[in-house]
N, C-alpha and C. Protein backbone atom coordinates (compact mmCIF):
# COMPACT_ATOMS: atom_id res chain seq x y z
N MET A 1 291.88 111.71 152.39
CA MET A 1 290.79 112.70 152.49
C MET A 1 290.24 112.67 153.88
N ASP A 2 289.96 111.42 154.27
CA ASP A 2 289.39 111.09 155.63
C ASP A 2 290.13 111.91 156.73
N SER A 3 291.35 111.84 156.78
CA SER A 3 292.26 112.24 157.85
C SER A 3 292.19 113.73 157.65
N GLN A 4 292.04 114.40 156.55
CA GLN A 4 291.88 115.79 156.47
C GLN A 4 290.58 116.23 156.88
N ASN A 5 289.55 115.50 156.84
CA ASN A 5 288.16 115.66 157.25
C ASN A 5 288.22 115.64 158.64
N GLU A 6 288.81 114.65 159.26
CA GLU A 6 288.98 114.42 160.84
C GLU A 6 289.54 115.48 161.38
N ARG A 7 290.85 115.96 160.75
CA ARG A 7 291.55 117.07 161.31
C ARG A 7 290.63 118.40 161.29
N ILE A 8 289.87 118.59 160.43
CA ILE A 8 289.15 119.74 160.15
C ILE A 8 288.11 119.71 161.06
N ALA A 9 287.51 118.57 161.37
CA ALA A 9 286.37 118.19 162.43
C ALA A 9 286.94 118.55 163.77
N LYS A 10 288.11 118.17 164.02
CA LYS A 10 288.95 118.54 165.30
C LYS A 10 289.08 119.77 165.56
N LEU A 11 289.56 120.47 164.57
CA LEU A 11 289.93 122.07 164.69
C LEU A 11 288.42 122.81 164.88
N GLU A 12 287.47 122.27 164.36
CA GLU A 12 286.23 122.94 164.40
C GLU A 12 285.70 122.70 165.73
N GLU A 13 285.83 121.55 166.39
CA GLU A 13 285.42 121.32 167.88
C GLU A 13 286.32 122.20 168.79
N GLN A 14 287.75 122.17 168.46
CA GLN A 14 288.54 123.03 169.25
C GLN A 14 288.31 124.55 169.23
N SER A 15 288.06 124.97 167.95
CA SER A 15 287.60 126.32 167.77
C SER A 15 286.20 126.75 168.35
N LYS A 16 285.37 125.85 168.61
CA LYS A 16 284.25 126.05 169.37
C LYS A 16 284.38 126.20 170.87
N GLY A 17 285.22 125.29 171.43
CA GLY A 17 285.62 125.33 172.62
C GLY A 17 286.26 126.63 172.98
N HIS A 18 287.20 126.94 172.07
CA HIS A 18 287.83 128.34 172.33
C HIS A 18 286.89 129.47 172.08
N THR A 19 286.07 129.38 171.27
CA THR A 19 285.07 130.47 171.14
C THR A 19 284.02 130.76 172.25
N ASP A 20 283.53 129.37 172.81
CA ASP A 20 282.89 129.46 173.96
C ASP A 20 283.66 130.20 175.07
N HIS A 21 284.93 129.64 175.21
CA HIS A 21 285.91 130.28 176.39
C HIS A 21 285.97 131.84 176.19
N TYR A 22 286.10 132.37 175.01
CA TYR A 22 286.31 133.68 174.76
C TYR A 22 285.07 134.46 175.06
N ASP A 23 283.90 133.85 174.79
CA ASP A 23 282.54 134.36 174.91
C ASP A 23 282.41 134.51 176.35
N ARG A 24 282.75 133.51 177.11
CA ARG A 24 282.63 133.50 178.70
C ARG A 24 283.49 134.55 179.24
N LEU A 25 284.73 134.69 178.80
CA LEU A 25 285.58 135.75 179.16
C LEU A 25 285.16 137.27 178.92
N TYR A 26 284.48 137.38 177.66
CA TYR A 26 284.08 138.65 177.27
C TYR A 26 282.98 139.07 178.16
N GLU A 27 282.01 137.92 178.54
CA GLU A 27 280.80 138.41 179.39
C GLU A 27 281.28 138.58 180.81
N THR A 28 282.41 137.84 181.32
CA THR A 28 282.97 138.18 182.61
C THR A 28 283.62 139.71 182.56
N MET A 29 284.15 140.03 181.48
CA MET A 29 284.73 141.29 181.46
C MET A 29 283.56 142.48 181.45
N LEU A 30 282.56 142.32 180.72
CA LEU A 30 281.42 143.18 180.83
C LEU A 30 280.98 143.25 182.23
N ARG A 31 280.74 142.23 182.91
CA ARG A 31 280.25 142.02 184.39
C ARG A 31 281.34 142.91 185.18
N MET A 32 282.54 142.75 185.08
CA MET A 32 283.56 143.26 185.74
C MET A 32 283.59 144.78 185.68
N GLU A 33 283.39 145.14 184.27
CA GLU A 33 283.24 146.65 183.91
C GLU A 33 282.04 147.23 184.61
N THR A 34 280.88 146.69 184.56
CA THR A 34 279.73 147.13 185.38
C THR A 34 279.92 147.34 186.80
N LYS A 35 280.56 146.30 187.38
CA LYS A 35 280.70 146.41 188.81
C LYS A 35 281.67 147.43 189.08
N LEU A 36 282.84 147.82 188.31
CA LEU A 36 283.77 148.79 188.50
C LEU A 36 283.21 150.15 188.32
N ASP A 37 282.25 150.33 187.43
CA ASP A 37 281.46 151.49 187.23
C ASP A 37 280.75 151.89 188.49
N THR A 38 279.89 150.77 189.04
CA THR A 38 279.09 150.74 190.24
C THR A 38 280.00 151.38 191.54
N TYR A 39 281.22 150.62 191.42
CA TYR A 39 282.07 150.84 192.55
C TYR A 39 282.75 152.29 192.62
N THR A 40 283.04 152.83 191.13
CA THR A 40 283.60 154.16 191.26
C THR A 40 282.57 155.25 191.50
N THR A 41 281.27 155.02 191.15
CA THR A 41 280.28 156.00 191.51
C THR A 41 280.01 156.02 193.07
N ASN A 42 280.27 154.98 193.78
CA ASN A 42 279.76 154.84 195.23
C ASN A 42 281.00 155.68 195.96
N PHE A 43 282.04 155.95 195.46
CA PHE A 43 283.17 156.45 196.22
C PHE A 43 283.56 157.89 195.75
N LEU A 44 284.05 158.67 196.66
CA LEU A 44 284.54 160.03 196.22
C LEU A 44 285.92 159.88 195.53
N PRO A 45 286.20 160.70 194.60
CA PRO A 45 287.44 160.98 193.92
C PRO A 45 288.35 161.32 195.01
N ARG A 46 289.74 161.02 194.80
CA ARG A 46 290.70 161.44 195.92
C ARG A 46 290.90 162.92 196.01
N THR A 47 290.59 163.82 194.97
CA THR A 47 290.64 165.27 194.92
C THR A 47 289.42 165.71 195.88
N GLU A 48 288.42 165.17 195.67
CA GLU A 48 287.16 165.65 196.44
C GLU A 48 287.36 165.32 197.82
N ALA A 49 287.79 164.16 198.15
CA ALA A 49 287.93 163.84 199.63
C ALA A 49 289.10 164.63 200.22
N GLN A 50 290.10 164.90 199.53
CA GLN A 50 291.13 165.87 200.09
C GLN A 50 290.61 167.18 200.38
N GLU A 51 289.58 167.84 199.43
CA GLU A 51 289.17 169.05 199.76
C GLU A 51 288.18 168.94 200.95
N MET A 52 287.44 168.00 200.92
CA MET A 52 286.55 167.73 201.93
C MET A 52 287.18 167.68 203.41
N PHE A 53 288.37 167.04 203.33
CA PHE A 53 289.15 166.98 204.68
C PHE A 53 289.64 168.31 204.86
N ARG A 54 290.25 169.05 203.82
CA ARG A 54 290.86 170.14 204.18
C ARG A 54 289.93 171.30 204.74
N SER A 55 288.74 171.24 204.13
CA SER A 55 287.66 172.18 204.65
C SER A 55 287.22 171.91 206.14
N ARG A 56 287.17 170.64 206.35
CA ARG A 56 286.81 170.10 207.78
C ARG A 56 287.96 170.44 208.70
N ASP A 57 289.25 170.36 208.36
CA ASP A 57 290.30 170.81 209.29
C ASP A 57 290.23 172.23 209.50
N GLU A 58 289.98 172.92 208.52
CA GLU A 58 289.81 174.50 208.68
C GLU A 58 288.69 174.93 209.68
N ASP A 59 287.56 174.15 209.57
CA ASP A 59 286.45 174.45 210.51
C ASP A 59 286.75 174.00 211.89
N ILE A 60 287.49 172.81 211.99
CA ILE A 60 288.03 172.29 213.32
C ILE A 60 288.92 173.45 213.91
N LYS A 61 289.92 173.86 213.19
CA LYS A 61 290.79 175.02 213.66
C LYS A 61 290.07 176.25 214.15
N GLU A 62 289.06 176.76 213.40
CA GLU A 62 288.46 177.99 213.77
C GLU A 62 287.54 177.54 214.97
N ASN A 63 286.90 176.47 215.05
CA ASN A 63 286.15 176.14 216.44
C ASN A 63 286.94 176.02 217.51
N ARG A 64 288.14 175.43 217.24
CA ARG A 64 289.23 175.37 218.39
C ARG A 64 289.48 176.74 218.96
N GLU A 65 289.88 177.61 218.04
CA GLU A 65 290.31 179.01 218.55
C GLU A 65 289.08 179.66 219.00
N SER A 66 287.92 179.59 218.60
CA SER A 66 286.77 180.26 219.40
C SER A 66 286.59 179.52 220.76
N LEU A 67 286.65 178.30 220.63
CA LEU A 67 286.46 177.52 222.15
C LEU A 67 287.67 178.02 223.13
N GLU A 68 288.80 178.30 222.61
CA GLU A 68 289.94 178.78 223.59
C GLU A 68 289.72 180.09 223.99
N LYS A 69 289.04 180.95 223.14
CA LYS A 69 288.71 182.35 223.35
C LYS A 69 287.64 182.30 224.65
N LEU A 70 286.62 181.48 224.29
CA LEU A 70 285.68 181.41 225.37
C LEU A 70 286.20 180.76 226.53
N GLU A 71 287.12 179.81 226.68
CA GLU A 71 287.56 179.30 227.81
C GLU A 71 288.38 180.55 228.70
N ASN A 72 289.03 181.23 227.83
CA ASN A 72 289.74 182.21 228.61
C ASN A 72 288.90 183.41 229.07
N GLU A 73 287.85 183.57 228.42
CA GLU A 73 286.72 184.62 229.17
C GLU A 73 286.11 183.95 230.37
N ILE A 74 285.83 182.63 230.29
CA ILE A 74 285.24 182.03 231.56
C ILE A 74 286.20 182.23 232.64
N LYS A 75 287.45 181.79 232.34
CA LYS A 75 288.50 181.78 233.45
C LYS A 75 288.57 183.27 233.94
N ASN A 76 288.51 184.18 233.04
CA ASN A 76 288.73 185.67 233.56
C ASN A 76 287.40 186.04 234.34
N ASP A 77 286.39 185.45 233.98
CA ASP A 77 285.11 185.87 234.74
C ASP A 77 285.16 185.15 236.09
N SER A 78 285.61 183.99 236.13
CA SER A 78 285.49 183.17 237.51
C SER A 78 286.55 183.87 238.37
N ARG A 79 287.74 184.46 237.67
CA ARG A 79 288.66 185.10 238.65
C ARG A 79 288.11 186.46 239.28
N SER A 80 287.32 187.06 238.22
CA SER A 80 286.56 188.44 238.73
C SER A 80 285.51 188.01 239.84
N ASN A 81 284.83 186.93 239.71
CA ASN A 81 283.86 186.52 240.51
C ASN A 81 284.56 186.24 241.99
N LYS A 82 285.67 185.57 241.91
CA LYS A 82 286.29 185.36 243.09
C LYS A 82 286.69 186.39 243.76
N ALA A 83 287.04 187.63 242.94
CA ALA A 83 287.57 188.85 243.58
C ALA A 83 286.44 189.67 244.21
N ILE A 84 285.18 189.41 243.71
CA ILE A 84 283.92 190.07 244.24
C ILE A 84 283.42 189.33 245.46
N LEU A 85 283.73 187.94 245.69
CA LEU A 85 283.32 187.40 246.73
C LEU A 85 283.53 187.81 248.19
N PRO A 86 284.79 188.43 248.43
CA PRO A 86 284.94 189.10 249.77
C PRO A 86 284.20 190.21 249.94
N ALA A 87 283.85 191.01 248.82
CA ALA A 87 282.88 192.11 248.85
C ALA A 87 281.56 191.78 249.24
N TRP A 88 281.09 190.67 248.67
CA TRP A 88 279.67 190.21 249.07
C TRP A 88 279.66 189.73 250.39
N PHE A 89 280.63 189.02 250.93
CA PHE A 89 280.82 188.64 252.23
C PHE A 89 280.62 189.84 253.25
N ALA A 90 281.21 190.82 252.92
CA ALA A 90 281.29 192.23 253.74
C ALA A 90 279.96 192.76 253.61
N VAL A 91 279.26 192.72 252.64
CA VAL A 91 277.77 193.33 252.62
C VAL A 91 276.97 192.35 253.35
N ALA A 92 277.07 191.07 253.26
CA ALA A 92 276.24 190.13 254.08
C ALA A 92 276.49 190.46 255.55
N ILE A 93 277.75 190.59 255.96
CA ILE A 93 278.05 190.69 257.48
C ILE A 93 277.46 192.20 257.81
N SER A 94 277.46 193.26 257.01
CA SER A 94 276.84 194.47 257.37
C SER A 94 275.41 194.47 257.67
N ILE A 95 274.77 193.67 256.65
CA ILE A 95 273.33 193.48 256.75
C ILE A 95 273.00 192.75 258.23
N ILE A 96 273.75 191.84 258.26
CA ILE A 96 273.48 191.05 259.62
C ILE A 96 273.67 191.87 260.81
N VAL A 97 274.64 192.64 260.69
CA VAL A 97 274.97 193.56 261.95
C VAL A 97 274.07 194.59 262.12
N GLY A 98 273.56 195.17 261.06
CA GLY A 98 272.53 196.06 260.87
C GLY A 98 271.15 195.40 261.55
N ILE A 99 270.88 194.22 260.96
CA ILE A 99 269.62 193.72 261.68
C ILE A 99 269.75 193.44 263.20
N LEU A 100 271.06 192.99 263.68
CA LEU A 100 271.26 192.83 264.89
C LEU A 100 271.06 194.02 265.84
N SER A 101 271.80 195.09 265.26
CA SER A 101 271.71 196.44 265.93
C SER A 101 270.29 196.93 266.02
N LEU A 102 269.50 196.69 265.01
CA LEU A 102 267.89 197.11 265.08
C LEU A 102 267.23 196.19 266.03
N ILE A 103 267.76 195.05 266.21
CA ILE A 103 266.86 194.20 267.10
C ILE A 103 267.39 194.67 268.59
N THR A 104 268.53 195.05 268.73
CA THR A 104 269.01 195.39 270.13
C THR A 104 268.53 196.72 270.57
N ILE A 105 268.21 197.67 269.45
CA ILE A 105 267.66 199.05 269.69
C ILE A 105 266.10 198.75 270.19
N ILE A 106 265.44 197.87 269.47
CA ILE A 106 264.08 197.71 269.66
C ILE A 106 263.72 197.06 270.95
N LEU A 107 264.76 196.10 271.38
CA LEU A 107 264.40 195.54 272.57
C LEU A 107 265.04 196.30 273.80
């Protein structure tokens, strides 16, 4: 009978160790689950991230198109300003010639 009692006592000790081990595993799993919940709440789901990037890409494309239009308008304006420049030189020369002719008439 003593050997059976000893075996039962050993089995009880081993089961306590296993129970403690499983309790620690369970607590660890609970901690991991809460960390995973926290982790998933901090990050966007893939579909939302894809939608955000798609929307951003559309905005960039629209802005690029409007910037290209403005750039073309500026180039055209600068070309037209360059075409007007000789006319302004002619006006300036006429004013200078007019002032010189007035000075020569007066003197």
